[in-house]
Amino acid sequence: DSVKGRFTISRDNAENTVYLQMNSLKPEDTAVYYCRYWARL
C-alpha cells in the first residue's frame, strides 16, 4: 500500500530487464533500492 498508485514495475523479457517508475516521491521513499530475480534454481 505504501507505493501503490505511485510506483509502476515493468519488465522486458527479451532483455531480462526490470524497471521501476517512481512518481510522486516522498522523503520516506529514501532508501537503497535492490532488484531481485527469482529463477528455477
Full PDB file with SEQRES, HELIX, SHEET, SSBOND, CRYST1, ORIGX, SCALE, CONECT and MASTER records, all heavy atoms in Angstrom:
SEQRES   1 A   41  ASP SER VAL LYS GLY ARG PHE THR ILE SER ARG ASP ASN          
SEQRES   2 A   41  ALA GLU ASN THR VAL TYR LEU GLN MET ASN SER LEU LYS          
SEQRES   3 A   41  PRO GLU ASP THR ALA VAL TYR TYR CYS ARG TYR TRP ALA          
SEQRES   4 A   41  ARG LEU                                                      
HELIX    1 AA1 PRO A   27  ASP A   29  5                                   3    
SHEET    1 AA1 2 PHE A   7  ASP A  12  0                                        
SHEET    2 AA1 2 THR A  17  MET A  22 -1                                        
CRYST1    1.000    1.000    1.000  90.00  90.00  90.00 P 1           1          
ORIGX1      1.000000  0.000000  0.000000        0.00000                         
ORIGX2      0.000000  1.000000  0.000000        0.00000                         
ORIGX3      0.000000  0.000000  1.000000        0.00000                         
SCALE1      1.000000  0.000000  0.000000        0.00000                         
SCALE2      0.000000  1.000000  0.000000        0.00000                         
SCALE3      0.000000  0.000000  1.000000        0.00000                         
ATOM      1  N   ASP A   1       0.813  -1.218   0.000  1.00  0.00           N  
ATOM      2  CA  ASP A   1       0.000   0.000   0.000  1.00  0.00           C  
ATOM      3  C   ASP A   1       0.844   1.264   0.000  1.00  0.00           C  
ATOM      4  O   ASP A   1       0.415   2.304  -0.512  1.00  0.00           O  
ATOM      5  CB  ASP A   1      -0.918  -0.002   1.221  1.00  0.00           C  
ATOM      6  CG  ASP A   1      -2.045  -1.027   1.095  1.00  0.00           C  
ATOM      7  OD1 ASP A   1      -2.296  -1.501  -0.034  1.00  0.00           O  
ATOM      8  OD2 ASP A   1      -2.651  -1.367   2.132  1.00  0.00           O  
ATOM      9  N   SER A   2       2.039   1.188   0.576  1.00  0.00           N  
ATOM     10  CA  SER A   2       2.880   2.387   0.705  1.00  0.00           C  
ATOM     11  C   SER A   2       3.295   2.973  -0.642  1.00  0.00           C  
ATOM     12  O   SER A   2       3.615   4.167  -0.723  1.00  0.00           O  
ATOM     13  CB  SER A   2       4.118   2.065   1.534  1.00  0.00           C  
ATOM     14  OG  SER A   2       4.857   1.009   0.939  1.00  0.00           O  
ATOM     15  N   VAL A   3       3.311   2.175  -1.696  1.00  0.00           N  
ATOM     16  CA  VAL A   3       3.743   2.680  -3.009  1.00  0.00           C  
ATOM     17  C   VAL A   3       2.669   2.517  -4.081  1.00  0.00           C  
ATOM     18  O   VAL A   3       2.839   3.021  -5.197  1.00  0.00           O  
ATOM     19  CB  VAL A   3       5.039   1.987  -3.488  1.00  0.00           C  
ATOM     20  CG1 VAL A   3       6.124   2.095  -2.431  1.00  0.00           C  
ATOM     21  CG2 VAL A   3       4.801   0.544  -3.879  1.00  0.00           C  
ATOM     22  N   LYS A   4       1.589   1.854  -3.763  1.00  0.00           N  
ATOM     23  CA  LYS A   4       0.540   1.598  -4.754  1.00  0.00           C  
ATOM     24  C   LYS A   4       0.002   2.912  -5.296  1.00  0.00           C  
ATOM     25  O   LYS A   4      -0.283   3.843  -4.543  1.00  0.00           O  
ATOM     26  CB  LYS A   4      -0.575   0.777  -4.106  1.00  0.00           C  
ATOM     27  CG  LYS A   4      -1.509   0.102  -5.073  1.00  0.00           C  
ATOM     28  CD  LYS A   4      -2.479  -0.808  -4.345  1.00  0.00           C  
ATOM     29  CE  LYS A   4      -1.786  -2.003  -3.729  1.00  0.00           C  
ATOM     30  NZ  LYS A   4      -2.728  -2.940  -3.070  1.00  0.00           N  
ATOM     31  N   GLY A   5      -0.113   2.982  -6.605  1.00  0.00           N  
ATOM     32  CA  GLY A   5      -0.585   4.196  -7.257  1.00  0.00           C  
ATOM     33  C   GLY A   5       0.506   5.195  -7.575  1.00  0.00           C  
ATOM     34  O   GLY A   5       0.280   6.147  -8.331  1.00  0.00           O  
ATOM     35  N   ARG A   6       1.684   5.008  -7.003  1.00  0.00           N  
ATOM     36  CA  ARG A   6       2.809   5.920  -7.267  1.00  0.00           C  
ATOM     37  C   ARG A   6       3.927   5.223  -8.044  1.00  0.00           C  
ATOM     38  O   ARG A   6       4.604   5.857  -8.855  1.00  0.00           O  
ATOM     39  CB  ARG A   6       3.380   6.467  -5.956  1.00  0.00           C  
ATOM     40  CG  ARG A   6       2.396   7.236  -5.129  1.00  0.00           C  
ATOM     41  CD  ARG A   6       3.072   7.923  -3.941  1.00  0.00           C  
ATOM     42  NE  ARG A   6       3.676   6.966  -3.026  1.00  0.00           N  
ATOM     43  CZ  ARG A   6       4.959   6.962  -2.689  1.00  0.00           C  
ATOM     44  NH1 ARG A   6       5.776   7.868  -3.192  1.00  0.00           N  
ATOM     45  NH2 ARG A   6       5.418   6.062  -1.818  1.00  0.00           N  
ATOM     46  N   PHE A   7       4.135   3.940  -7.783  1.00  0.00           N  
ATOM     47  CA  PHE A   7       5.225   3.187  -8.414  1.00  0.00           C  
ATOM     48  C   PHE A   7       4.638   2.203  -9.417  1.00  0.00           C  
ATOM     49  O   PHE A   7       3.571   1.636  -9.199  1.00  0.00           O  
ATOM     50  CB  PHE A   7       6.027   2.409  -7.381  1.00  0.00           C  
ATOM     51  CG  PHE A   7       6.862   3.227  -6.440  1.00  0.00           C  
ATOM     52  CD1 PHE A   7       6.753   4.609  -6.388  1.00  0.00           C  
ATOM     53  CD2 PHE A   7       7.776   2.610  -5.600  1.00  0.00           C  
ATOM     54  CE1 PHE A   7       7.528   5.366  -5.523  1.00  0.00           C  
ATOM     55  CE2 PHE A   7       8.558   3.343  -4.728  1.00  0.00           C  
ATOM     56  CZ  PHE A   7       8.434   4.729  -4.690  1.00  0.00           C  
ATOM     57  N   THR A   8       5.377   1.985 -10.496  1.00  0.00           N  
ATOM     58  CA  THR A   8       4.967   1.017 -11.507  1.00  0.00           C  
ATOM     59  C   THR A   8       6.162   0.161 -11.901  1.00  0.00           C  
ATOM     60  O   THR A   8       7.201   0.694 -12.307  1.00  0.00           O  
ATOM     61  CB  THR A   8       4.412   1.719 -12.758  1.00  0.00           C  
ATOM     62  OG1 THR A   8       3.312   2.544 -12.397  1.00  0.00           O  
ATOM     63  CG2 THR A   8       3.949   0.689 -13.784  1.00  0.00           C  
ATOM     64  N   ILE A   9       5.998  -1.133 -11.793  1.00  0.00           N  
ATOM     65  CA  ILE A   9       7.049  -2.067 -12.203  1.00  0.00           C  
ATOM     66  C   ILE A   9       6.722  -2.599 -13.591  1.00  0.00           C  
ATOM     67  O   ILE A   9       5.544  -2.819 -13.929  1.00  0.00           O  
ATOM     68  CB  ILE A   9       7.200  -3.226 -11.185  1.00  0.00           C  
ATOM     69  CG1 ILE A   9       8.432  -4.075 -11.504  1.00  0.00           C  
ATOM     70  CG2 ILE A   9       5.933  -4.068 -11.115  1.00  0.00           C  
ATOM     71  CD1 ILE A   9       8.759  -5.095 -10.415  1.00  0.00           C  
ATOM     72  N   SER A  10       7.752  -2.774 -14.399  1.00  0.00           N  
ATOM     73  CA  SER A  10       7.574  -3.353 -15.724  1.00  0.00           C  
ATOM     74  C   SER A  10       8.824  -4.164 -16.058  1.00  0.00           C  
ATOM     75  O   SER A  10       9.846  -4.037 -15.385  1.00  0.00           O  
ATOM     76  CB  SER A  10       7.331  -2.264 -16.773  1.00  0.00           C  
ATOM     77  OG  SER A  10       8.424  -1.368 -16.832  1.00  0.00           O  
ATOM     78  N   ARG A  11       8.720  -4.979 -17.080  1.00  0.00           N  
ATOM     79  CA  ARG A  11       9.862  -5.808 -17.445  1.00  0.00           C  
ATOM     80  C   ARG A  11       9.944  -5.987 -18.947  1.00  0.00           C  
ATOM     81  O   ARG A  11       8.929  -5.936 -19.640  1.00  0.00           O  
ATOM     82  CB  ARG A  11       9.793  -7.170 -16.752  1.00  0.00           C  
ATOM     83  CG  ARG A  11       8.605  -8.007 -17.116  1.00  0.00           C  
ATOM     84  CD  ARG A  11       8.484  -9.247 -16.220  1.00  0.00           C  
ATOM     85  NE  ARG A  11       9.393 -10.317 -16.593  1.00  0.00           N  
ATOM     86  CZ  ARG A  11       9.548 -11.434 -15.893  1.00  0.00           C  
ATOM     87  NH1 ARG A  11       8.887 -11.605 -14.750  1.00  0.00           N  
ATOM     88  NH2 ARG A  11      10.380 -12.381 -16.318  1.00  0.00           N  
ATOM     89  N   ASP A  12      11.153  -6.193 -19.412  1.00  0.00           N  
ATOM     90  CA  ASP A  12      11.422  -6.520 -20.804  1.00  0.00           C  
ATOM     91  C   ASP A  12      11.998  -7.927 -20.808  1.00  0.00           C  
ATOM     92  O   ASP A  12      13.159  -8.127 -20.454  1.00  0.00           O  
ATOM     93  CB  ASP A  12      12.412  -5.510 -21.391  1.00  0.00           C  
ATOM     94  CG  ASP A  12      12.701  -5.760 -22.855  1.00  0.00           C  
ATOM     95  OD1 ASP A  12      12.581  -6.916 -23.317  1.00  0.00           O  
ATOM     96  OD2 ASP A  12      13.067  -4.796 -23.552  1.00  0.00           O  
ATOM     97  N   ASN A  13      11.185  -8.892 -21.158  1.00  0.00           N  
ATOM     98  CA  ASN A  13      11.620 -10.283 -21.082  1.00  0.00           C  
ATOM     99  C   ASN A  13      12.734 -10.589 -22.087  1.00  0.00           C  
ATOM    100  O   ASN A  13      13.602 -11.413 -21.806  1.00  0.00           O  
ATOM    101  CB  ASN A  13      10.443 -11.219 -21.310  1.00  0.00           C  
ATOM    102  CG  ASN A  13       9.473 -11.194 -20.148  1.00  0.00           C  
ATOM    103  OD1 ASN A  13       9.863 -10.997 -18.997  1.00  0.00           O  
ATOM    104  ND2 ASN A  13       8.199 -11.390 -20.429  1.00  0.00           N  
ATOM    105  N   ALA A  14      12.702  -9.923 -23.209  1.00  0.00           N  
ATOM    106  CA  ALA A  14      13.733 -10.168 -24.220  1.00  0.00           C  
ATOM    107  C   ALA A  14      15.108  -9.727 -23.720  1.00  0.00           C  
ATOM    108  O   ALA A  14      16.128 -10.330 -24.070  1.00  0.00           O  
ATOM    109  CB  ALA A  14      13.378  -9.455 -25.515  1.00  0.00           C  
ATOM    110  N   GLU A  15      15.126  -8.669 -22.929  1.00  0.00           N  
ATOM    111  CA  GLU A  15      16.391  -8.135 -22.411  1.00  0.00           C  
ATOM    112  C   GLU A  15      16.655  -8.534 -20.962  1.00  0.00           C  
ATOM    113  O   GLU A  15      17.677  -8.149 -20.398  1.00  0.00           O  
ATOM    114  CB  GLU A  15      16.385  -6.607 -22.515  1.00  0.00           C  
ATOM    115  CG  GLU A  15      16.279  -6.083 -23.932  1.00  0.00           C  
ATOM    116  CD  GLU A  15      17.509  -6.390 -24.757  1.00  0.00           C  
ATOM    117  OE1 GLU A  15      18.606  -6.519 -24.166  1.00  0.00           O  
ATOM    118  OE2 GLU A  15      17.367  -6.546 -25.996  1.00  0.00           O  
ATOM    119  N   ASN A  16      15.722  -9.296 -20.369  1.00  0.00           N  
ATOM    120  CA  ASN A  16      15.855  -9.691 -18.949  1.00  0.00           C  
ATOM    121  C   ASN A  16      16.109  -8.482 -18.060  1.00  0.00           C  
ATOM    122  O   ASN A  16      16.981  -8.513 -17.168  1.00  0.00           O  
ATOM    123  CB  ASN A  16      16.989 -10.713 -18.788  1.00  0.00           C  
ATOM    124  CG  ASN A  16      16.604 -12.064 -19.338  1.00  0.00           C  
ATOM    125  OD1 ASN A  16      15.470 -12.510 -19.177  1.00  0.00           O  
ATOM    126  ND2 ASN A  16      17.527 -12.716 -20.015  1.00  0.00           N  
ATOM    127  N   THR A  17      15.344  -7.438 -18.316  1.00  0.00           N  
ATOM    128  CA  THR A  17      15.495  -6.189 -17.578  1.00  0.00           C  
ATOM    129  C   THR A  17      14.189  -5.853 -16.877  1.00  0.00           C  
ATOM    130  O   THR A  17      13.100  -6.074 -17.435  1.00  0.00           O  
ATOM    131  CB  THR A  17      15.878  -5.046 -18.534  1.00  0.00           C  
ATOM    132  OG1 THR A  17      17.135  -5.370 -19.160  1.00  0.00           O  
ATOM    133  CG2 THR A  17      16.020  -3.729 -17.795  1.00  0.00           C  
ATOM    134  N   VAL A  18      14.302  -5.318 -15.679  1.00  0.00           N  
ATOM    135  CA  VAL A  18      13.125  -4.883 -14.939  1.00  0.00           C  
ATOM    136  C   VAL A  18      13.289  -3.402 -14.614  1.00  0.00           C  
ATOM    137  O   VAL A  18      14.410  -2.923 -14.404  1.00  0.00           O  
ATOM    138  CB  VAL A  18      12.903  -5.725 -13.666  1.00  0.00           C  
ATOM    139  CG1 VAL A  18      14.032  -5.533 -12.664  1.00  0.00           C  
ATOM    140  CG2 VAL A  18      11.556  -5.430 -13.044  1.00  0.00           C  
ATOM    141  N   TYR A  19      12.169  -2.696 -14.621  1.00  0.00           N  
ATOM    142  CA  TYR A  19      12.159  -1.260 -14.388  1.00  0.00           C  
ATOM    143  C   TYR A  19      11.248  -0.936 -13.215  1.00  0.00           C  
ATOM    144  O   TYR A  19      10.304  -1.680 -12.915  1.00  0.00           O  
ATOM    145  CB  TYR A  19      11.660  -0.516 -15.622  1.00  0.00           C  
ATOM    146  CG  TYR A  19      12.427  -0.817 -16.877  1.00  0.00           C  
ATOM    147  CD1 TYR A  19      11.990  -1.784 -17.779  1.00  0.00           C  
ATOM    148  CD2 TYR A  19      13.611  -0.140 -17.180  1.00  0.00           C  
ATOM    149  CE1 TYR A  19      12.701  -2.072 -18.924  1.00  0.00           C  
ATOM    150  CE2 TYR A  19      14.322  -0.422 -18.323  1.00  0.00           C  
ATOM    151  CZ  TYR A  19      13.863  -1.395 -19.204  1.00  0.00           C  
ATOM    152  OH  TYR A  19      14.576  -1.677 -20.334  1.00  0.00           O  
ATOM    153  N   LEU A  20      11.509   0.198 -12.596  1.00  0.00           N  
ATOM    154  CA  LEU A  20      10.616   0.717 -11.559  1.00  0.00           C  
ATOM    155  C   LEU A  20      10.449   2.208 -11.796  1.00  0.00           C  
ATOM    156  O   LEU A  20      11.397   2.979 -11.604  1.00  0.00           O  
ATOM    157  CB  LEU A  20      11.176   0.454 -10.166  1.00  0.00           C  
ATOM    158  CG  LEU A  20      10.236   0.852  -9.025  1.00  0.00           C  
ATOM    159  CD1 LEU A  20       9.003  -0.051  -8.987  1.00  0.00           C  
ATOM    160  CD2 LEU A  20      10.967   0.801  -7.680  1.00  0.00           C  
ATOM    161  N   GLN A  21       9.270   2.595 -12.243  1.00  0.00           N  
ATOM    162  CA  GLN A  21       8.941   4.005 -12.393  1.00  0.00           C  
ATOM    163  C   GLN A  21       8.373   4.496 -11.076  1.00  0.00           C  
ATOM    164  O   GLN A  21       7.374   3.951 -10.585  1.00  0.00           O  
ATOM    165  CB  GLN A  21       7.925   4.194 -13.523  1.00  0.00           C  
ATOM    166  CG  GLN A  21       7.487   5.632 -13.719  1.00  0.00           C  
ATOM    167  CD  GLN A  21       8.609   6.527 -14.218  1.00  0.00           C  
ATOM    168  OE1 GLN A  21       9.363   6.141 -15.105  1.00  0.00           O  
ATOM    169  NE2 GLN A  21       8.713   7.718 -13.649  1.00  0.00           N  
ATOM    170  N   MET A  22       9.007   5.509 -10.517  1.00  0.00           N  
ATOM    171  CA  MET A  22       8.601   6.041  -9.215  1.00  0.00           C  
ATOM    172  C   MET A  22       8.171   7.488  -9.390  1.00  0.00           C  
ATOM    173  O   MET A  22       8.979   8.329  -9.787  1.00  0.00           O  
ATOM    174  CB  MET A  22       9.753   5.946  -8.215  1.00  0.00           C  
ATOM    175  CG  MET A  22      10.314   4.543  -8.076  1.00  0.00           C  
ATOM    176  SD  MET A  22      11.567   4.414  -6.787  1.00  0.00           S  
ATOM    177  CE  MET A  22      12.860   5.435  -7.477  1.00  0.00           C  
ATOM    178  N   ASN A  23       6.904   7.747  -9.118  1.00  0.00           N  
ATOM    179  CA  ASN A  23       6.349   9.085  -9.220  1.00  0.00           C  
ATOM    180  C   ASN A  23       5.901   9.577  -7.847  1.00  0.00           C  
ATOM    181  O   ASN A  23       5.756   8.792  -6.916  1.00  0.00           O  
ATOM    182  CB  ASN A  23       5.158   9.089 -10.184  1.00  0.00           C  
ATOM    183  CG  ASN A  23       5.526   8.676 -11.580  1.00  0.00           C  
ATOM    184  OD1 ASN A  23       6.631   8.937 -12.057  1.00  0.00           O  
ATOM    185  ND2 ASN A  23       4.606   8.025 -12.273  1.00  0.00           N  
ATOM    186  N   SER A  24       5.683  10.872  -7.760  1.00  0.00           N  
ATOM    187  CA  SER A  24       5.215  11.472  -6.504  1.00  0.00           C  
ATOM    188  C   SER A  24       6.057  10.998  -5.327  1.00  0.00           C  
ATOM    189  O   SER A  24       5.531  10.602  -4.281  1.00  0.00           O  
ATOM    190  CB  SER A  24       3.742  11.119  -6.274  1.00  0.00           C  
ATOM    191  OG  SER A  24       2.945  11.545  -7.348  1.00  0.00           O  
ATOM    192  N   LEU A  25       7.345  11.083  -5.489  1.00  0.00           N  
ATOM    193  CA  LEU A  25       8.250  10.577  -4.463  1.00  0.00           C  
ATOM    194  C   LEU A  25       8.148  11.391  -3.183  1.00  0.00           C  
ATOM    195  O   LEU A  25       7.923  12.612  -3.209  1.00  0.00           O  
ATOM    196  CB  LEU A  25       9.682  10.578  -4.979  1.00  0.00           C  
ATOM    197  CG  LEU A  25       9.999   9.411  -5.929  1.00  0.00           C  
ATOM    198  CD1 LEU A  25      11.239   9.711  -6.756  1.00  0.00           C  
ATOM    199  CD2 LEU A  25      10.163   8.122  -5.141  1.00  0.00           C  
ATOM    200  N   LYS A  26       8.317  10.678  -2.073  1.00  0.00           N  
ATOM    201  CA  LYS A  26       8.236  11.277  -0.747  1.00  0.00           C  
ATOM    202  C   LYS A  26       9.566  11.071  -0.025  1.00  0.00           C  
ATOM    203  O   LYS A  26      10.295  10.122  -0.335  1.00  0.00           O  
ATOM    204  CB  LYS A  26       7.126  10.607   0.060  1.00  0.00           C  
ATOM    205  CG  LYS A  26       5.765  10.610  -0.602  1.00  0.00           C  
ATOM    206  CD  LYS A  26       4.762   9.812   0.218  1.00  0.00           C  
ATOM    207  CE  LYS A  26       3.405   9.775  -0.435  1.00  0.00           C  
ATOM    208  NZ  LYS A  26       2.417   8.986   0.357  1.00  0.00           N  
ATOM    209  N   PRO A  27       9.860  11.903   0.962  1.00  0.00           N  
ATOM    210  CA  PRO A  27      11.114  11.700   1.714  1.00  0.00           C  
ATOM    211  C   PRO A  27      11.212  10.297   2.315  1.00  0.00           C  
ATOM    212  O   PRO A  27      12.317   9.739   2.398  1.00  0.00           O  
ATOM    213  CB  PRO A  27      11.027  12.767   2.806  1.00  0.00           C  
ATOM    214  CG  PRO A  27      10.245  13.872   2.173  1.00  0.00           C  
ATOM    215  CD  PRO A  27       9.212  13.170   1.333  1.00  0.00           C  
ATOM    216  N   GLU A  28      10.104   9.710   2.685  1.00  0.00           N  
ATOM    217  CA  GLU A  28      10.146   8.364   3.268  1.00  0.00           C  
ATOM    218  C   GLU A  28      10.447   7.278   2.240  1.00  0.00           C  
ATOM    219  O   GLU A  28      10.630   6.111   2.597  1.00  0.00           O  
ATOM    220  CB  GLU A  28       8.829   8.042   3.993  1.00  0.00           C  
ATOM    221  CG  GLU A  28       7.577   8.271   3.182  1.00  0.00           C  
ATOM    222  CD  GLU A  28       6.942   9.631   3.474  1.00  0.00           C  
ATOM    223  OE1 GLU A  28       7.681  10.640   3.590  1.00  0.00           O  
ATOM    224  OE2 GLU A  28       5.694   9.683   3.585  1.00  0.00           O  
ATOM    225  N   ASP A  29      10.518   7.643   0.977  1.00  0.00           N  
ATOM    226  CA  ASP A  29      10.949   6.691  -0.052  1.00  0.00           C  
ATOM    227  C   ASP A  29      12.471   6.594  -0.124  1.00  0.00           C  
ATOM    228  O   ASP A  29      13.002   5.758  -0.866  1.00  0.00           O  
ATOM    229  CB  ASP A  29      10.411   7.091  -1.423  1.00  0.00           C  
ATOM    230  CG  ASP A  29       8.904   7.014  -1.518  1.00  0.00           C  
ATOM    231  OD1 ASP A  29       8.327   6.032  -0.997  1.00  0.00           O  
ATOM    232  OD2 ASP A  29       8.298   7.930  -2.113  1.00  0.00           O  
ATOM    233  N   THR A  30      13.156   7.449   0.614  1.00  0.00           N  
ATOM    234  CA  THR A  30      14.616   7.416   0.629  1.00  0.00           C  
ATOM    235  C   THR A  30      15.106   6.059   1.107  1.00  0.00           C  
ATOM    236  O   THR A  30      14.720   5.594   2.182  1.00  0.00           O  
ATOM    237  CB  THR A  30      15.165   8.527   1.536  1.00  0.00           C  
ATOM    238  OG1 THR A  30      14.839   9.801   0.962  1.00  0.00           O  
ATOM    239  CG2 THR A  30      16.672   8.404   1.703  1.00  0.00           C  
ATOM    240  N   ALA A  31      15.947   5.433   0.309  1.00  0.00           N  
ATOM    241  CA  ALA A  31      16.423   4.084   0.615  1.00  0.00           C  
ATOM    242  C   ALA A  31      17.416   3.637  -0.451  1.00  0.00           C  
ATOM    243  O   ALA A  31      17.548   4.293  -1.501  1.00  0.00           O  
ATOM    244  CB  ALA A  31      15.260   3.092   0.662  1.00  0.00           C  
ATOM    245  N   VAL A  32      18.063   2.540  -0.164  1.00  0.00           N  
ATOM    246  CA  VAL A  32      18.793   1.825  -1.208  1.00  0.00           C  
ATOM    247  C   VAL A  32      17.810   0.831  -1.830  1.00  0.00           C  
ATOM    248  O   VAL A  32      17.164   0.058  -1.118  1.00  0.00           O  
ATOM    249  CB  VAL A  32      20.018   1.093  -0.656  1.00  0.00           C  
ATOM    250  CG1 VAL A  32      20.717   0.315  -1.767  1.00  0.00           C  
ATOM    251  CG2 VAL A  32      20.983   2.079  -0.006  1.00  0.00           C  
ATOM    252  N   TYR A  33      17.705   0.875  -3.149  1.00  0.00           N  
ATOM    253  CA  TYR A  33      16.765   0.026  -3.872  1.00  0.00           C  
ATOM    254  C   TYR A  33      17.531  -1.120  -4.534  1.00  0.00           C  
ATOM    255  O   TYR A  33      18.550  -0.903  -5.204  1.00  0.00           O  
ATOM    256  CB  TYR A  33      16.011   0.837  -4.910  1.00  0.00           C  
ATOM    257  CG  TYR A  33      14.932   1.703  -4.304  1.00  0.00           C  
ATOM    258  CD1 TYR A  33      15.266   2.815  -3.535  1.00  0.00           C  
ATOM    259  CD2 TYR A  33      13.588   1.395  -4.474  1.00  0.00           C  
ATOM    260  CE1 TYR A  33      14.280   3.598  -2.947  1.00  0.00           C  
ATOM    261  CE2 TYR A  33      12.593   2.178  -3.892  1.00  0.00           C  
ATOM    262  CZ  TYR A  33      12.956   3.272  -3.130  1.00  0.00           C  
ATOM    263  OH  TYR A  33      11.966   4.055  -2.550  1.00  0.00           O  
ATOM    264  N   TYR A  34      17.000  -2.320  -4.330  1.00  0.00           N  
ATOM    265  CA  TYR A  34      17.627  -3.537  -4.843  1.00  0.00           C  
ATOM    266  C   TYR A  34      16.663  -4.257  -5.781  1.00  0.00           C  
ATOM    267  O   TYR A  34      15.466  -4.384  -5.473  1.00  0.00           O  
ATOM    268  CB  TYR A  34      17.959  -4.497  -3.707  1.00  0.00           C  
ATOM    269  CG  TYR A  34      18.886  -3.963  -2.662  1.00  0.00           C  
ATOM    270  CD1 TYR A  34      18.396  -3.268  -1.567  1.00  0.00           C  
ATOM    271  CD2 TYR A  34      20.263  -4.169  -2.749  1.00  0.00           C  
ATOM    272  CE1 TYR A  34      19.240  -2.770  -0.591  1.00  0.00           C  
ATOM    273  CE2 TYR A  34      21.121  -3.688  -1.773  1.00  0.00           C  
ATOM    274  CZ  TYR A  34      20.602  -2.987  -0.698  1.00  0.00           C  
ATOM    275  OH  TYR A  34      21.449  -2.509   0.258  1.00  0.00           O  
ATOM    276  N   CYS A  35      17.188  -4.787  -6.868  1.00  0.00           N  
ATOM    277  CA  CYS A  35      16.374  -5.658  -7.693  1.00  0.00           C  
ATOM    278  C   CYS A  35      16.648  -7.104  -7.293  1.00  0.00           C  
ATOM    279  O   CYS A  35      17.705  -7.433  -6.749  1.00  0.00           O  
ATOM    280  CB  CYS A  35      16.629  -5.447  -9.177  1.00  0.00           C  
ATOM    281  SG  CYS A  35      18.313  -5.762  -9.729  1.00  0.00           S  
ATOM    282  N   ARG A  36      15.667  -7.927  -7.573  1.00  0.00           N  
ATOM    283  CA  ARG A  36      15.763  -9.338  -7.248  1.00  0.00           C  
ATOM    284  C   ARG A  36      15.091 -10.132  -8.350  1.00  0.00           C  
ATOM    285  O   ARG A  36      13.997  -9.776  -8.786  1.00  0.00           O  
ATOM    286  CB  ARG A  36      15.076  -9.625  -5.915  1.00  0.00           C  
ATOM    287  CG  ARG A  36      15.181 -11.076  -5.441  1.00  0.00           C  
ATOM    288  CD  ARG A  36      14.440 -11.260  -4.134  1.00  0.00           C  
ATOM    289  NE  ARG A  36      14.583 -12.619  -3.612  1.00  0.00           N  
ATOM    290  CZ  ARG A  36      13.963 -13.057  -2.516  1.00  0.00           C  
ATOM    291  NH1 ARG A  36      13.166 -12.248  -1.839  1.00  0.00           N  
ATOM    292  NH2 ARG A  36      14.164 -14.290  -2.117  1.00  0.00           N  
ATOM    293  N   TYR A  37      15.753 -11.175  -8.809  1.00  0.00           N  
ATOM    294  CA  TYR A  37      15.197 -12.077  -9.811  1.00  0.00           C  
ATOM    295  C   TYR A  37      15.019 -13.449  -9.172  1.00  0.00           C  
ATOM    296  O   TYR A  37      15.940 -13.962  -8.529  1.00  0.00           O  
ATOM    297  CB  TYR A  37      16.129 -12.228 -11.009  1.00  0.00           C  
ATOM    298  CG  TYR A  37      16.217 -11.047 -11.945  1.00  0.00           C  
ATOM    299  CD1 TYR A  37      15.759  -9.788 -11.592  1.00  0.00           C  
ATOM    300  CD2 TYR A  37      16.767 -11.192 -13.214  1.00  0.00           C  
ATOM    301  CE1 TYR A  37      15.844  -8.713 -12.461  1.00  0.00           C  
ATOM    302  CE2 TYR A  37      16.865 -10.126 -14.103  1.00  0.00           C  
ATOM    303  CZ  TYR A  37      16.402  -8.891 -13.708  1.00  0.00           C  
ATOM    304  OH  TYR A  37      16.493  -7.839 -14.576  1.00  0.00           O  
ATOM    305  N   TRP A  38      13.871 -14.051  -9.393  1.00  0.00           N  
ATOM    306  CA  TRP A  38      13.622 -15.424  -8.977  1.00  0.00           C  
ATOM    307  C   TRP A  38      13.726 -16.326 -10.209  1.00  0.00           C  
ATOM    308  O   TRP A  38      13.223 -15.994 -11.284  1.00  0.00           O  
ATOM    309  CB  TRP A  38      12.226 -15.555  -8.385  1.00  0.00           C  
ATOM    310  CG  TRP A  38      12.041 -14.937  -7.051  1.00  0.00           C  
ATOM    311  CD1 TRP A  38      12.153 -15.543  -5.837  1.00  0.00           C  
ATOM    312  CD2 TRP A  38      11.661 -13.579  -6.770  1.00  0.00           C  
ATOM    313  NE1 TRP A  38      11.881 -14.653  -4.821  1.00  0.00           N  
ATOM    314  CE2 TRP A  38      11.581 -13.441  -5.374  1.00  0.00           C  
ATOM    315  CE3 TRP A  38      11.385 -12.469  -7.582  1.00  0.00           C  
ATOM    316  CZ2 TRP A  38      11.233 -12.236  -4.759  1.00  0.00           C  
ATOM    317  CZ3 TRP A  38      11.051 -11.270  -6.974  1.00  0.00           C  
ATOM    318  CH2 TRP A  38      10.969 -11.167  -5.580  1.00  0.00           C  
ATOM    319  N   ALA A  39      14.369 -17.445 -10.026  1.00  0.00           N  
ATOM    320  CA  ALA A  39      14.534 -18.377 -11.125  1.00  0.00           C  
ATOM    321  C   ALA A  39      14.349 -19.800 -10.607  1.00  0.00           C  
ATOM    322  O   ALA A  39      14.237 -20.030  -9.414  1.00  0.00           O  
ATOM    323  CB  ALA A  39      15.917 -18.214 -11.755  1.00  0.00           C  
ATOM    324  N   ARG A  40      14.330 -20.740 -11.544  1.00  0.00           N  
ATOM    325  CA  ARG A  40      14.062 -22.122 -11.173  1.00  0.00           C  
ATOM    326  C   ARG A  40      15.105 -22.666 -10.207  1.00  0.00           C  
ATOM    327  O   ARG A  40      14.783 -23.460  -9.321  1.00  0.00           O  
ATOM    328  CB  ARG A  40      14.023 -22.985 -12.427  1.00  0.00           C  
ATOM    329  CG  ARG A  40      13.597 -24.418 -12.166  1.00  0.00           C  
ATOM    330  CD  ARG A  40      13.177 -25.090 -13.429  1.00  0.00           C  
ATOM    331  NE  ARG A  40      12.011 -24.438 -14.032  1.00  0.00           N  
ATOM    332  CZ  ARG A  40      11.442 -24.859 -15.155  1.00  0.00           C  
ATOM    333  NH1 ARG A  40      11.933 -25.873 -15.808  1.00  0.00           N  
ATOM    334  NH2 ARG A  40      10.402 -24.231 -15.640  1.00  0.00           N  
ATOM    335  N   LEU A  41      16.340 -22.203 -10.307  1.00  0.00           N  
ATOM    336  CA  LEU A  41      17.422 -22.757  -9.491  1.00  0.00           C  
ATOM    337  C   LEU A  41      17.852 -21.832  -8.360  1.00  0.00           C  
ATOM    338  O   LEU A  41      18.858 -22.101  -7.705  1.00  0.00           O  
ATOM    339  CB  LEU A  41      18.619 -23.094 -10.382  1.00  0.00           C  
ATOM    340  CG  LEU A  41      18.347 -24.135 -11.465  1.00  0.00           C  
ATOM    341  CD1 LEU A  41      19.605 -24.402 -12.285  1.00  0.00           C  
ATOM    342  CD2 LEU A  41      17.838 -25.436 -10.846  1.00  0.00           C  
TER     343      LEU A  41                                                      
MASTER        0    0    0    1    2    0    0    6  342    1    0    4          
END                                                                             
